[in-house]
Protein backbone atom coordinates (compact mmCIF):
# COMPACT_ATOMS: atom_id res chain seq x y z
CA MET A 1 40.20 -111.68 -89.11
CA GLN A 2 43.60 -110.32 -88.23
CA VAL A 3 44.01 -106.99 -86.44
CA THR A 4 47.22 -105.16 -85.58
CA PHE A 5 47.52 -102.78 -82.61
CA ASP A 6 50.17 -100.36 -81.44
CA LEU A 7 50.14 -100.66 -77.66
CA PRO A 8 52.30 -99.13 -74.95
CA ASP A 9 55.01 -101.49 -73.65
CA GLU A 10 53.34 -101.53 -70.22
CA VAL A 11 50.08 -102.85 -71.73
CA VAL A 12 51.93 -105.46 -73.81
CA THR A 13 53.66 -106.70 -70.65
CA GLN A 14 50.33 -107.02 -68.87
CA LEU A 15 48.73 -108.86 -71.79
CA GLN A 16 51.51 -111.38 -72.51
CA PRO A 17 50.36 -113.95 -69.90
CA PHE A 18 46.87 -113.79 -71.44
CA GLU A 19 47.87 -113.97 -75.09
CA ASP A 20 45.67 -116.98 -75.77
CA ARG A 21 42.66 -115.21 -74.21
CA LEU A 22 42.91 -111.87 -76.06
CA PRO A 23 39.63 -112.33 -77.99
CA GLN A 24 37.79 -112.95 -74.70
CA ILE A 25 39.49 -109.96 -73.05
CA LEU A 26 38.50 -107.69 -75.94
CA GLU A 27 34.92 -108.98 -75.86
CA LEU A 28 34.63 -108.33 -72.11
CA GLY A 29 36.13 -104.89 -72.55
CA LEU A 30 33.63 -104.06 -75.28
CA ARG A 31 30.76 -105.23 -73.09
CA GLU A 32 31.96 -102.94 -70.33
CA LEU A 33 32.22 -100.00 -72.73
CA HIS A 34 28.68 -100.65 -73.96
CA ALA A 35 27.47 -100.98 -70.39
CA ILE A 36 28.94 -97.64 -69.40
CA ALA A 37 27.28 -95.97 -72.39
CA GLN A 38 23.80 -97.28 -71.54
CA GLU A 39 21.59 -95.45 -69.08
CA GLY A 40 20.14 -98.71 -67.78
CA PHE A 41 23.46 -99.65 -66.21
CA SER A 42 23.54 -96.94 -63.57
CA GLY A 43 22.75 -99.66 -61.04
CA MET A 44 25.90 -101.47 -62.12
CA ALA A 45 28.02 -98.37 -61.60
CA GLU A 46 26.61 -97.94 -58.09
CA VAL A 47 27.53 -101.48 -57.10
CA LEU A 48 31.00 -101.33 -58.62
CA GLU A 49 31.71 -97.99 -56.94
CA PHE A 50 30.53 -99.49 -53.63
CA LEU A 51 32.92 -102.43 -54.02
CA ALA A 52 35.75 -100.14 -55.14
CA ASN A 53 35.53 -98.39 -51.76
CA LEU A 54 36.66 -101.66 -50.11
CA PRO A 55 33.71 -102.00 -47.72
CA THR A 56 33.75 -104.23 -44.69
CA ALA A 57 32.73 -107.87 -45.01
CA GLU A 58 29.52 -107.05 -43.13
CA ALA A 59 28.67 -104.24 -45.56
CA ILE A 60 29.25 -106.53 -48.54
CA ILE A 61 26.99 -109.20 -47.09
CA ALA A 62 24.29 -106.59 -46.41
CA LEU A 63 24.45 -105.29 -50.01
CA ARG A 64 21.08 -105.42 -51.78
CA PRO A 65 20.06 -104.11 -55.21
CA SER A 66 18.71 -100.57 -55.33
CA GLU A 67 15.02 -100.14 -56.04
CA PHE A 68 15.94 -98.85 -59.51
CA LEU A 69 18.10 -101.86 -60.29
CA GLN A 70 15.51 -104.31 -58.97
CA THR A 71 12.83 -102.63 -61.10
CA GLN A 72 15.01 -102.84 -64.22
CA VAL A 73 15.66 -106.54 -63.65
CA SER A 74 11.96 -107.23 -63.02
CA ILE A 75 10.98 -105.41 -66.21
CA LEU A 76 13.47 -107.43 -68.26
CA LEU A 77 12.35 -110.71 -66.68
CA GLU A 78 8.69 -109.97 -67.41
CA LYS A 79 9.40 -108.82 -70.95
CA ASN A 80 11.49 -111.93 -71.60
CA ARG A 81 8.69 -114.10 -70.29
CA THR A 82 5.94 -112.44 -72.33
CA MET A 83 7.37 -111.22 -75.63
CA GLY A 84 11.12 -111.68 -75.63
CA LEU A 85 13.99 -109.26 -75.42
CA THR A 86 15.49 -107.07 -78.12
CA SER A 87 19.21 -107.46 -78.75
CA ALA A 88 19.88 -104.30 -76.69
CA GLU A 89 17.78 -105.66 -73.83
CA GLU A 90 19.54 -109.02 -74.07
CA GLN A 91 22.85 -107.19 -73.77
CA GLN A 92 21.52 -105.30 -70.76
CA TRP A 93 20.37 -108.58 -69.21
CA GLN A 94 23.83 -110.10 -69.71
CA GLY A 95 25.33 -107.10 -67.93
CA TYR A 96 23.02 -107.61 -64.97
CA GLN A 97 23.91 -111.30 -64.87
CA TYR A 98 27.59 -110.42 -64.79
CA LEU A 99 26.96 -107.89 -62.02
CA GLU A 100 25.13 -110.54 -60.00
CA HIS A 101 28.09 -112.90 -60.47
CA VAL A 102 30.53 -110.26 -59.20
CA VAL A 103 28.37 -109.54 -56.15
CA ARG A 104 28.01 -113.25 -55.36
CA MET A 105 31.78 -113.68 -55.50
CA ALA A 106 32.27 -110.68 -53.21
CA LYS A 107 29.69 -112.00 -50.75
CA ALA A 108 31.24 -115.48 -50.74
CA ARG A 109 34.65 -114.02 -49.95
CA ALA A 110 33.13 -111.77 -47.29
CA PHE A 111 31.49 -114.79 -45.60
CA LEU A 112 34.83 -116.66 -45.64
CA LYS A 113 36.59 -113.64 -44.18
CA LEU A 114 34.04 -113.40 -41.37
CA LYS A 115 34.24 -117.13 -40.73
CA GLU A 116 38.03 -116.95 -40.48
CA SER A 117 37.93 -113.98 -38.13
CA HIS A 118 35.43 -115.70 -35.82
CA ALA A 119 37.55 -118.87 -35.79
CA ALA A 120 40.65 -116.96 -34.73
């Protein structure tokens, strides 16, 4: 399928280096839009807002899922184990997996930052 967009010059400039990855970029953007629209992703918003505040390395390492987020993940895991997930639940699960990936990357970088500061 071919789609044509009218985009501001500034956006075109930002997208040019990623021209070959535009389908992936659009897919990720759509996932994020769906995530924002779903109530079950409030835990994701909390974590992203926490990271957007540029916390210390120690605070990032100490980050743990909220009780709400942990409950949501547990419910999805149990439902997947017993009867399977609906497509909406599968999408929610993918969002949580992505969130976990982001947090792991932040924690890994925080550990490296602490290691470097202790070595200095």
